[in-house]
All heavy atoms as atom14 arrays in JSON, in Angstrom:
{
  "sequence": "ALDWSGGSTYYADSMKGRFTISRENAKATVYLQMNNLKPEDTAVYYCA",
  "atom14_mask": [
    [1, 1, 1, 1, 1, 0, 0, 0, 0, 0, 0, 0, 0, 0],
    [1, 1, 1, 1, 1, 1, 1, 1, 0, 0, 0, 0, 0, 0],
    [1, 1, 1, 1, 1, 1, 1, 1, 0, 0, 0, 0, 0, 0],
    [1, 1, 1, 1, 1, 1, 1, 1, 1, 1, 1, 1, 1, 1],
    [1, 1, 1, 1, 1, 1, 0, 0, 0, 0, 0, 0, 0, 0],
    [1, 1, 1, 1, 0, 0, 0, 0, 0, 0, 0, 0, 0, 0],
    [1, 1, 1, 1, 0, 0, 0, 0, 0, 0, 0, 0, 0, 0],
    [1, 1, 1, 1, 1, 1, 0, 0, 0, 0, 0, 0, 0, 0],
    [1, 1, 1, 1, 1, 1, 1, 0, 0, 0, 0, 0, 0, 0],
    [1, 1, 1, 1, 1, 1, 1, 1, 1, 1, 1, 1, 0, 0],
    [1, 1, 1, 1, 1, 1, 1, 1, 1, 1, 1, 1, 0, 0],
    [1, 1, 1, 1, 1, 0, 0, 0, 0, 0, 0, 0, 0, 0],
    [1, 1, 1, 1, 1, 1, 1, 1, 0, 0, 0, 0, 0, 0],
    [1, 1, 1, 1, 1, 1, 0, 0, 0, 0, 0, 0, 0, 0],
    [1, 1, 1, 1, 1, 1, 1, 1, 0, 0, 0, 0, 0, 0],
    [1, 1, 1, 1, 1, 1, 1, 1, 1, 0, 0, 0, 0, 0],
    [1, 1, 1, 1, 0, 0, 0, 0, 0, 0, 0, 0, 0, 0],
    [1, 1, 1, 1, 1, 1, 1, 1, 1, 1, 1, 0, 0, 0],
    [1, 1, 1, 1, 1, 1, 1, 1, 1, 1, 1, 0, 0, 0],
    [1, 1, 1, 1, 1, 1, 1, 0, 0, 0, 0, 0, 0, 0],
    [1, 1, 1, 1, 1, 1, 1, 1, 0, 0, 0, 0, 0, 0],
    [1, 1, 1, 1, 1, 1, 0, 0, 0, 0, 0, 0, 0, 0],
    [1, 1, 1, 1, 1, 1, 1, 1, 1, 1, 1, 0, 0, 0],
    [1, 1, 1, 1, 1, 1, 1, 1, 1, 0, 0, 0, 0, 0],
    [1, 1, 1, 1, 1, 1, 1, 1, 0, 0, 0, 0, 0, 0],
    [1, 1, 1, 1, 1, 0, 0, 0, 0, 0, 0, 0, 0, 0],
    [1, 1, 1, 1, 1, 1, 1, 1, 1, 0, 0, 0, 0, 0],
    [1, 1, 1, 1, 1, 0, 0, 0, 0, 0, 0, 0, 0, 0],
    [1, 1, 1, 1, 1, 1, 1, 0, 0, 0, 0, 0, 0, 0],
    [1, 1, 1, 1, 1, 1, 1, 0, 0, 0, 0, 0, 0, 0],
    [1, 1, 1, 1, 1, 1, 1, 1, 1, 1, 1, 1, 0, 0],
    [1, 1, 1, 1, 1, 1, 1, 1, 0, 0, 0, 0, 0, 0],
    [1, 1, 1, 1, 1, 1, 1, 1, 1, 0, 0, 0, 0, 0],
    [1, 1, 1, 1, 1, 1, 1, 1, 0, 0, 0, 0, 0, 0],
    [1, 1, 1, 1, 1, 1, 1, 1, 0, 0, 0, 0, 0, 0],
    [1, 1, 1, 1, 1, 1, 1, 1, 0, 0, 0, 0, 0, 0],
    [1, 1, 1, 1, 1, 1, 1, 1, 0, 0, 0, 0, 0, 0],
    [1, 1, 1, 1, 1, 1, 1, 1, 1, 0, 0, 0, 0, 0],
    [1, 1, 1, 1, 1, 1, 1, 0, 0, 0, 0, 0, 0, 0],
    [1, 1, 1, 1, 1, 1, 1, 1, 1, 0, 0, 0, 0, 0],
    [1, 1, 1, 1, 1, 1, 1, 1, 0, 0, 0, 0, 0, 0],
    [1, 1, 1, 1, 1, 1, 1, 0, 0, 0, 0, 0, 0, 0],
    [1, 1, 1, 1, 1, 0, 0, 0, 0, 0, 0, 0, 0, 0],
    [1, 1, 1, 1, 1, 1, 1, 0, 0, 0, 0, 0, 0, 0],
    [1, 1, 1, 1, 1, 1, 1, 1, 1, 1, 1, 1, 0, 0],
    [1, 1, 1, 1, 1, 1, 1, 1, 1, 1, 1, 1, 0, 0],
    [1, 1, 1, 1, 1, 1, 0, 0, 0, 0, 0, 0, 0, 0],
    [1, 1, 1, 1, 1, 0, 0, 0, 0, 0, 0, 0, 0, 0]
  ],
  "atom14_positions": [
    [[0.83, -1.19, 0.03], [0.01, -0.02, 0.0], [0.89, 1.25, 0.02], [2.07, 1.19, 0.34], [-0.94, 0.04, 1.18], [0.0, 0.0, 0.0], [0.0, 0.0, 0.0], [0.0, 0.0, 0.0], [0.0, 0.0, 0.0], [0.0, 0.0, 0.0], [0.0, 0.0, 0.0], [0.0, 0.0, 0.0], [0.0, 0.0, 0.0], [0.0, 0.0, 0.0]],
    [[0.23, 2.31, -0.41], [0.98, 3.58, -0.53], [0.08, 4.73, -0.06], [-1.11, 4.77, -0.38], [1.35, 3.76, -1.99], [2.01, 5.06, -2.45], [3.01, 4.77, -3.55], [1.0, 6.08, -2.96], [0.0, 0.0, 0.0], [0.0, 0.0, 0.0], [0.0, 0.0, 0.0], [0.0, 0.0, 0.0], [0.0, 0.0, 0.0], [0.0, 0.0, 0.0]],
    [[0.7, 5.65, 0.7], [0.04, 6.86, 1.1], [0.27, 7.88, -0.01], [1.41, 8.33, -0.16], [0.59, 7.37, 2.44], [0.04, 8.74, 2.84], [-0.72, 9.33, 2.05], [0.37, 9.13, 3.96], [0.0, 0.0, 0.0], [0.0, 0.0, 0.0], [0.0, 0.0, 0.0], [0.0, 0.0, 0.0], [0.0, 0.0, 0.0], [0.0, 0.0, 0.0]],
    [[-0.73, 8.18, -0.78], [-0.51, 8.95, -1.98], [0.09, 10.32, -1.66], [1.05, 10.74, -2.28], [-1.84, 9.16, -2.76], [-1.56, 9.8, -4.08], [-1.22, 11.08, -4.34], [-1.62, 9.15, -5.33], [-1.03, 11.28, -5.7], [-1.27, 10.11, -6.29], [-1.88, 7.83, -5.72], [-1.2, 9.79, -7.65], [-1.84, 7.52, -7.07], [-1.49, 8.48, -8.04]],
    [[-0.43, 11.03, -0.69], [0.06, 12.37, -0.46], [1.41, 12.37, 0.25], [2.26, 13.19, -0.08], [-0.97, 13.15, 0.35], [-1.18, 12.48, 1.62], [0.0, 0.0, 0.0], [0.0, 0.0, 0.0], [0.0, 0.0, 0.0], [0.0, 0.0, 0.0], [0.0, 0.0, 0.0], [0.0, 0.0, 0.0], [0.0, 0.0, 0.0], [0.0, 0.0, 0.0]],
    [[1.63, 11.47, 1.2], [2.87, 11.47, 1.9], [3.99, 10.62, 1.25], [5.14, 10.85, 1.53], [0.0, 0.0, 0.0], [0.0, 0.0, 0.0], [0.0, 0.0, 0.0], [0.0, 0.0, 0.0], [0.0, 0.0, 0.0], [0.0, 0.0, 0.0], [0.0, 0.0, 0.0], [0.0, 0.0, 0.0], [0.0, 0.0, 0.0], [0.0, 0.0, 0.0]],
    [[3.58, 9.65, 0.47], [4.52, 8.81, -0.23], [5.01, 7.58, 0.58], [5.74, 6.76, 0.02], [0.0, 0.0, 0.0], [0.0, 0.0, 0.0], [0.0, 0.0, 0.0], [0.0, 0.0, 0.0], [0.0, 0.0, 0.0], [0.0, 0.0, 0.0], [0.0, 0.0, 0.0], [0.0, 0.0, 0.0], [0.0, 0.0, 0.0], [0.0, 0.0, 0.0]],
    [[4.6, 7.43, 1.81], [4.97, 6.24, 2.55], [4.46, 4.99, 1.93], [3.34, 4.99, 1.37], [4.48, 6.35, 4.0], [5.04, 7.49, 4.64], [0.0, 0.0, 0.0], [0.0, 0.0, 0.0], [0.0, 0.0, 0.0], [0.0, 0.0, 0.0], [0.0, 0.0, 0.0], [0.0, 0.0, 0.0], [0.0, 0.0, 0.0], [0.0, 0.0, 0.0]],
    [[5.26, 3.93, 2.02], [4.87, 2.68, 1.47], [4.85, 1.57, 2.54], [5.59, 1.68, 3.51], [5.83, 2.26, 0.31], [7.16, 2.25, 0.82], [5.73, 3.24, -0.83], [0.0, 0.0, 0.0], [0.0, 0.0, 0.0], [0.0, 0.0, 0.0], [0.0, 0.0, 0.0], [0.0, 0.0, 0.0], [0.0, 0.0, 0.0], [0.0, 0.0, 0.0]],
    [[4.06, 0.57, 2.29], [3.87, -0.48, 3.25], [3.81, -1.8, 2.47], [3.17, -1.87, 1.41], [2.53, -0.31, 4.02], [2.39, 1.11, 4.6], [1.86, 2.15, 3.81], [2.8, 1.38, 5.88], [1.76, 3.41, 4.3], [2.65, 2.65, 6.39], [2.16, 3.67, 5.57], [2.0, 4.94, 6.11], [0.0, 0.0, 0.0], [0.0, 0.0, 0.0]],
    [[4.43, -2.84, 3.03], [4.45, -4.13, 2.32], [4.16, -5.25, 3.25], [4.52, -5.24, 4.43], [5.89, -4.34, 1.7], [6.26, -3.38, 0.66], [6.97, -2.19, 0.98], [5.96, -3.58, -0.69], [7.32, -1.3, 0.0], [6.33, -2.69, -1.67], [6.99, -1.55, -1.3], [7.35, -0.65, -2.29], [0.0, 0.0, 0.0], [0.0, 0.0, 0.0]],
    [[3.57, -6.28, 2.69], [3.49, -7.55, 3.41], [4.9, -8.12, 3.51], [5.71, -7.93, 2.57], [2.59, -8.52, 2.67], [0.0, 0.0, 0.0], [0.0, 0.0, 0.0], [0.0, 0.0, 0.0], [0.0, 0.0, 0.0], [0.0, 0.0, 0.0], [0.0, 0.0, 0.0], [0.0, 0.0, 0.0], [0.0, 0.0, 0.0], [0.0, 0.0, 0.0]],
    [[5.2, -8.7, 4.6], [6.58, -9.17, 4.84], [7.1, -10.07, 3.71], [8.24, -9.97, 3.31], [6.65, -9.91, 6.18], [6.55, -8.96, 7.37], [6.75, -7.77, 7.2], [6.27, -9.47, 8.48], [0.0, 0.0, 0.0], [0.0, 0.0, 0.0], [0.0, 0.0, 0.0], [0.0, 0.0, 0.0], [0.0, 0.0, 0.0], [0.0, 0.0, 0.0]],
    [[6.25, -10.88, 3.22], [6.64, -11.84, 2.17], [6.9, -11.18, 0.81], [7.5, -11.8, -0.06], [5.63, -12.96, 2.02], [4.37, -12.38, 1.64], [0.0, 0.0, 0.0], [0.0, 0.0, 0.0], [0.0, 0.0, 0.0], [0.0, 0.0, 0.0], [0.0, 0.0, 0.0], [0.0, 0.0, 0.0], [0.0, 0.0, 0.0], [0.0, 0.0, 0.0]],
    [[6.49, -9.93, 0.7], [6.65, -9.21, -0.6], [7.84, -8.27, -0.59], [8.27, -7.8, -1.67], [5.44, -8.4, -0.92], [4.12, -9.05, -0.7], [3.87, -10.54, -1.67], [2.31, -11.12, -0.93], [0.0, 0.0, 0.0], [0.0, 0.0, 0.0], [0.0, 0.0, 0.0], [0.0, 0.0, 0.0], [0.0, 0.0, 0.0], [0.0, 0.0, 0.0]],
    [[8.36, -7.98, 0.62], [9.5, -7.01, 0.7], [10.68, -7.54, -0.12], [11.03, -8.69, -0.08], [9.87, -6.86, 2.14], [8.83, -6.05, 2.94], [9.31, -5.9, 4.4], [8.25, -5.18, 5.21], [8.64, -5.06, 6.62], [0.0, 0.0, 0.0], [0.0, 0.0, 0.0], [0.0, 0.0, 0.0], [0.0, 0.0, 0.0], [0.0, 0.0, 0.0]],
    [[11.28, -6.64, -0.85], [12.44, -6.94, -1.6], [12.18, -7.36, -3.05], [13.04, -7.18, -3.9], [0.0, 0.0, 0.0], [0.0, 0.0, 0.0], [0.0, 0.0, 0.0], [0.0, 0.0, 0.0], [0.0, 0.0, 0.0], [0.0, 0.0, 0.0], [0.0, 0.0, 0.0], [0.0, 0.0, 0.0], [0.0, 0.0, 0.0], [0.0, 0.0, 0.0]],
    [[10.99, -7.87, -3.31], [10.64, -8.3, -4.68], [9.66, -7.35, -5.35], [9.64, -7.17, -6.54], [10.1, -9.7, -4.7], [11.09, -10.77, -4.29], [10.62, -12.13, -4.63], [9.32, -12.44, -3.94], [8.21, -12.83, -4.63], [8.23, -12.99, -5.93], [7.11, -13.11, -3.95], [0.0, 0.0, 0.0], [0.0, 0.0, 0.0], [0.0, 0.0, 0.0]],
    [[8.75, -6.79, -4.52], [7.7, -5.9, -5.07], [7.95, -4.5, -4.63], [8.39, -4.22, -3.51], [6.36, -6.36, -4.52], [5.88, -7.7, -5.0], [6.67, -8.5, -5.8], [4.63, -8.17, -4.7], [6.23, -9.72, -6.3], [4.13, -9.4, -5.15], [4.97, -10.17, -5.93], [0.0, 0.0, 0.0], [0.0, 0.0, 0.0], [0.0, 0.0, 0.0]],
    [[7.6, -3.53, -5.54], [7.76, -2.13, -5.23], [6.49, -1.41, -5.68], [6.08, -1.53, -6.84], [8.98, -1.53, -5.93], [10.12, -2.23, -5.57], [9.12, -0.06, -5.59], [0.0, 0.0, 0.0], [0.0, 0.0, 0.0], [0.0, 0.0, 0.0], [0.0, 0.0, 0.0], [0.0, 0.0, 0.0], [0.0, 0.0, 0.0], [0.0, 0.0, 0.0]],
    [[5.92, -0.64, -4.77], [4.75, 0.19, -5.1], [5.2, 1.62, -5.26], [6.05, 2.12, -4.52], [3.66, 0.03, -4.0], [2.35, 0.69, -4.48], [4.12, 0.56, -2.67], [1.16, 0.38, -3.55], [0.0, 0.0, 0.0], [0.0, 0.0, 0.0], [0.0, 0.0, 0.0], [0.0, 0.0, 0.0], [0.0, 0.0, 0.0], [0.0, 0.0, 0.0]],
    [[4.63, 2.27, -6.28], [5.0, 3.69, -6.54], [3.8, 4.36, -7.19], [2.81, 3.76, -7.56], [6.2, 3.73, -7.45], [5.91, 3.19, -8.71], [0.0, 0.0, 0.0], [0.0, 0.0, 0.0], [0.0, 0.0, 0.0], [0.0, 0.0, 0.0], [0.0, 0.0, 0.0], [0.0, 0.0, 0.0], [0.0, 0.0, 0.0], [0.0, 0.0, 0.0]],
    [[3.92, 5.71, -7.38], [2.82, 6.43, -7.96], [3.31, 7.43, -9.0], [4.49, 7.85, -8.97], [2.04, 7.21, -6.87], [2.81, 8.39, -6.29], [2.16, 8.86, -5.07], [2.7, 10.08, -4.47], [3.85, 10.26, -3.9], [4.71, 9.27, -3.85], [4.17, 11.44, -3.36], [0.0, 0.0, 0.0], [0.0, 0.0, 0.0], [0.0, 0.0, 0.0]],
    [[2.42, 7.82, -9.89], [2.73, 8.87, -10.87], [1.59, 9.83, -10.84], [0.46, 9.51, -11.26], [2.87, 8.2, -12.25], [3.26, 9.25, -13.3], [3.65, 8.64, -14.66], [3.64, 7.38, -14.72], [3.87, 9.38, -15.59], [0.0, 0.0, 0.0], [0.0, 0.0, 0.0], [0.0, 0.0, 0.0], [0.0, 0.0, 0.0], [0.0, 0.0, 0.0]],
    [[1.86, 10.99, -10.24], [0.79, 11.97, -10.0], [0.03, 12.35, -11.24], [-1.19, 12.46, -11.27], [1.38, 13.21, -9.33], [1.66, 12.96, -7.85], [0.96, 12.24, -7.19], [2.76, 13.53, -7.38], [0.0, 0.0, 0.0], [0.0, 0.0, 0.0], [0.0, 0.0, 0.0], [0.0, 0.0, 0.0], [0.0, 0.0, 0.0], [0.0, 0.0, 0.0]],
    [[0.81, 12.69, -12.29], [0.18, 13.27, -13.5], [-0.82, 12.27, -14.12], [-1.79, 12.73, -14.78], [1.28, 13.59, -14.49], [0.0, 0.0, 0.0], [0.0, 0.0, 0.0], [0.0, 0.0, 0.0], [0.0, 0.0, 0.0], [0.0, 0.0, 0.0], [0.0, 0.0, 0.0], [0.0, 0.0, 0.0], [0.0, 0.0, 0.0], [0.0, 0.0, 0.0]],
    [[-0.61, 10.99, -13.9], [-1.5, 9.99, -14.51], [-2.46, 9.42, -13.52], [-3.2, 8.52, -13.86], [-0.66, 8.88, -15.15], [0.19, 9.35, -16.33], [0.88, 8.18, -16.99], [1.68, 8.64, -18.22], [2.37, 7.53, -18.89], [0.0, 0.0, 0.0], [0.0, 0.0, 0.0], [0.0, 0.0, 0.0], [0.0, 0.0, 0.0], [0.0, 0.0, 0.0]],
    [[-2.46, 9.9, -12.27], [-3.31, 9.33, -11.23], [-3.2, 7.82, -11.24], [-4.18, 7.08, -11.17], [-4.76, 9.75, -11.42], [0.0, 0.0, 0.0], [0.0, 0.0, 0.0], [0.0, 0.0, 0.0], [0.0, 0.0, 0.0], [0.0, 0.0, 0.0], [0.0, 0.0, 0.0], [0.0, 0.0, 0.0], [0.0, 0.0, 0.0], [0.0, 0.0, 0.0]],
    [[-1.99, 7.36, -11.29], [-1.72, 5.9, -11.41], [-0.75, 5.45, -10.34], [0.24, 6.11, -10.03], [-1.13, 5.62, -12.81], [-2.13, 5.94, -13.79], [-0.79, 4.13, -12.96], [0.0, 0.0, 0.0], [0.0, 0.0, 0.0], [0.0, 0.0, 0.0], [0.0, 0.0, 0.0], [0.0, 0.0, 0.0], [0.0, 0.0, 0.0], [0.0, 0.0, 0.0]],
    [[-1.07, 4.26, -9.79], [-0.17, 3.55, -8.85], [0.33, 2.32, -9.58], [-0.44, 1.63, -10.23], [-0.92, 3.22, -7.57], [-0.08, 2.34, -6.66], [-1.27, 4.5, -6.82], [0.0, 0.0, 0.0], [0.0, 0.0, 0.0], [0.0, 0.0, 0.0], [0.0, 0.0, 0.0], [0.0, 0.0, 0.0], [0.0, 0.0, 0.0], [0.0, 0.0, 0.0]],
    [[1.63, 2.03, -9.38], [2.23, 0.88, -10.02], [2.62, -0.15, -8.94], [2.92, 0.21, -7.79], [3.47, 1.29, -10.81], [3.19, 2.32, -11.87], [3.5, 3.65, -11.72], [2.6, 1.95, -13.06], [3.28, 4.61, -12.65], [2.33, 2.88, -14.06], [2.67, 4.21, -13.83], [2.46, 5.15, -14.84], [0.0, 0.0, 0.0], [0.0, 0.0, 0.0]],
    [[2.65, -1.39, -9.37], [3.24, -2.43, -8.58], [4.25, -3.14, -9.45], [3.89, -3.88, -10.37], [2.18, -3.42, -8.07], [2.7, -4.49, -7.15], [3.17, -3.93, -5.8], [1.67, -5.59, -6.89], [0.0, 0.0, 0.0], [0.0, 0.0, 0.0], [0.0, 0.0, 0.0], [0.0, 0.0, 0.0], [0.0, 0.0, 0.0], [0.0, 0.0, 0.0]],
    [[5.49, -2.89, -9.16], [6.54, -3.57, -9.91], [6.88, -4.85, -9.21], [7.19, -4.86, -7.98], [7.85, -2.67, -9.97], [9.03, -3.34, -10.61], [8.86, -3.54, -12.12], [8.32, -2.66, -12.8], [9.25, -4.7, -12.6], [0.0, 0.0, 0.0], [0.0, 0.0, 0.0], [0.0, 0.0, 0.0], [0.0, 0.0, 0.0], [0.0, 0.0, 0.0]],
    [[6.82, -5.98, -9.9], [7.0, -7.28, -9.34], [8.21, -7.96, -10.02], [8.15, -8.15, -11.24], [5.75, -8.14, -9.49], [4.51, -7.49, -8.91], [3.06, -8.56, -8.96], [2.83, -8.75, -10.75], [0.0, 0.0, 0.0], [0.0, 0.0, 0.0], [0.0, 0.0, 0.0], [0.0, 0.0, 0.0], [0.0, 0.0, 0.0], [0.0, 0.0, 0.0]],
    [[9.22, -8.25, -9.25], [10.44, -8.84, -9.8], [10.63, -10.27, -9.2], [10.04, -10.58, -8.17], [11.63, -8.0, -9.47], [11.55, -6.62, -10.1], [11.04, -6.46, -11.21], [12.1, -5.63, -9.42], [0.0, 0.0, 0.0], [0.0, 0.0, 0.0], [0.0, 0.0, 0.0], [0.0, 0.0, 0.0], [0.0, 0.0, 0.0], [0.0, 0.0, 0.0]],
    [[11.43, -11.05, -9.89], [11.75, -12.38, -9.43], [10.45, -13.18, -9.1], [10.32, -13.77, -8.0], [12.7, -12.34, -8.25], [13.25, -13.72, -7.87], [13.29, -14.62, -8.73], [13.65, -13.88, -6.65], [0.0, 0.0, 0.0], [0.0, 0.0, 0.0], [0.0, 0.0, 0.0], [0.0, 0.0, 0.0], [0.0, 0.0, 0.0], [0.0, 0.0, 0.0]],
    [[9.55, -13.17, -10.0], [8.27, -13.78, -9.75], [8.37, -15.28, -9.59], [9.22, -15.92, -10.21], [7.26, -13.4, -10.87], [6.72, -11.98, -10.82], [6.1, -11.55, -12.12], [5.7, -11.88, -9.67], [0.0, 0.0, 0.0], [0.0, 0.0, 0.0], [0.0, 0.0, 0.0], [0.0, 0.0, 0.0], [0.0, 0.0, 0.0], [0.0, 0.0, 0.0]],
    [[7.49, -15.81, -8.76], [7.46, -17.23, -8.44], [6.09, -17.79, -8.74], [5.11, -17.05, -8.78], [7.77, -17.42, -6.93], [9.08, -16.76, -6.49], [9.22, -16.86, -4.98], [10.53, -16.19, -4.49], [10.68, -16.29, -3.05], [0.0, 0.0, 0.0], [0.0, 0.0, 0.0], [0.0, 0.0, 0.0], [0.0, 0.0, 0.0], [0.0, 0.0, 0.0]],
    [[6.02, -19.09, -8.98], [4.7, -19.69, -9.29], [3.66, -19.36, -8.2], [2.47, -19.18, -8.54], [5.01, -21.19, -9.39], [6.45, -21.21, -9.87], [7.09, -20.05, -9.16], [0.0, 0.0, 0.0], [0.0, 0.0, 0.0], [0.0, 0.0, 0.0], [0.0, 0.0, 0.0], [0.0, 0.0, 0.0], [0.0, 0.0, 0.0], [0.0, 0.0, 0.0]],
    [[4.08, -19.26, -7.0], [3.15, -18.98, -5.9], [2.64, -17.54, -5.94], [1.74, -17.18, -5.16], [3.77, -19.28, -4.55], [5.13, -18.68, -4.27], [6.25, -19.63, -4.6], [6.15, -20.36, -5.65], [7.19, -19.65, -3.82], [0.0, 0.0, 0.0], [0.0, 0.0, 0.0], [0.0, 0.0, 0.0], [0.0, 0.0, 0.0], [0.0, 0.0, 0.0]],
    [[3.16, -16.7, -6.78], [2.63, -15.36, -6.99], [1.44, -15.36, -7.93], [0.81, -14.33, -8.12], [3.75, -14.41, -7.52], [4.87, -14.21, -6.54], [4.59, -14.01, -5.37], [6.03, -14.22, -7.04], [0.0, 0.0, 0.0], [0.0, 0.0, 0.0], [0.0, 0.0, 0.0], [0.0, 0.0, 0.0], [0.0, 0.0, 0.0], [0.0, 0.0, 0.0]],
    [[1.16, -16.5, -8.5], [0.0, -16.56, -9.4], [-1.31, -16.25, -8.68], [-1.62, -16.85, -7.62], [-0.08, -17.98, -10.03], [1.05, -18.19, -10.86], [-1.38, -18.12, -10.86], [0.0, 0.0, 0.0], [0.0, 0.0, 0.0], [0.0, 0.0, 0.0], [0.0, 0.0, 0.0], [0.0, 0.0, 0.0], [0.0, 0.0, 0.0], [0.0, 0.0, 0.0]],
    [[-2.05, -15.27, -9.19], [-3.25, -14.82, -8.51], [-3.91, -13.72, -9.37], [-3.28, -13.25, -10.37], [-2.92, -14.26, -7.11], [0.0, 0.0, 0.0], [0.0, 0.0, 0.0], [0.0, 0.0, 0.0], [0.0, 0.0, 0.0], [0.0, 0.0, 0.0], [0.0, 0.0, 0.0], [0.0, 0.0, 0.0], [0.0, 0.0, 0.0], [0.0, 0.0, 0.0]],
    [[-5.1, -13.38, -9.0], [-5.66, -12.16, -9.5], [-5.28, -11.0, -8.59], [-5.45, -11.12, -7.36], [-7.23, -12.27, -9.58], [-7.84, -10.95, -10.08], [-7.65, -13.39, -10.51], [0.0, 0.0, 0.0], [0.0, 0.0, 0.0], [0.0, 0.0, 0.0], [0.0, 0.0, 0.0], [0.0, 0.0, 0.0], [0.0, 0.0, 0.0], [0.0, 0.0, 0.0]],
    [[-4.76, -9.95, -9.15], [-4.31, -8.82, -8.38], [-5.3, -7.67, -8.47], [-5.75, -7.31, -9.58], [-2.91, -8.36, -8.88], [-1.8, -9.28, -8.42], [-1.67, -10.58, -8.94], [-0.89, -8.89, -7.45], [-0.7, -11.43, -8.51], [0.11, -9.73, -7.02], [0.18, -11.01, -7.58], [1.21, -11.86, -7.14], [0.0, 0.0, 0.0], [0.0, 0.0, 0.0]],
    [[-5.66, -7.16, -7.34], [-6.64, -6.07, -7.26], [-6.0, -4.85, -6.65], [-5.2, -4.94, -5.72], [-7.79, -6.47, -6.33], [-8.58, -7.67, -6.77], [-8.21, -8.97, -6.4], [-9.7, -7.51, -7.6], [-8.94, -10.06, -6.82], [-10.44, -8.58, -8.02], [-10.07, -9.87, -7.64], [-10.81, -10.94, -8.04], [0.0, 0.0, 0.0], [0.0, 0.0, 0.0]],
    [[-6.41, -3.67, -7.15], [-5.99, -2.42, -6.5], [-7.26, -1.86, -5.82], [-8.39, -2.16, -6.22], [-5.4, -1.42, -7.43], [-6.48, -0.82, -8.76], [0.0, 0.0, 0.0], [0.0, 0.0, 0.0], [0.0, 0.0, 0.0], [0.0, 0.0, 0.0], [0.0, 0.0, 0.0], [0.0, 0.0, 0.0], [0.0, 0.0, 0.0], [0.0, 0.0, 0.0]],
    [[-7.01, -1.12, -4.76], [-8.09, -0.55, -3.98], [-7.65, 0.74, -3.37], [-6.48, 1.04, -3.19], [-8.5, -1.57, -2.87], [0.0, 0.0, 0.0], [0.0, 0.0, 0.0], [0.0, 0.0, 0.0], [0.0, 0.0, 0.0], [0.0, 0.0, 0.0], [0.0, 0.0, 0.0], [0.0, 0.0, 0.0], [0.0, 0.0, 0.0], [0.0, 0.0, 0.0]]
  ]
}
């Protein structure tokens, strides 16, 4: 998760180091960069 105005980020412990959340103000868009993906990462991903 990300605090849009303050920029603070929060991660589930198991995601730290592989996933990065960020934002782009001009596009009102939040990104989730996922690296070193594993079969157990298979899922439907939702933003909220």
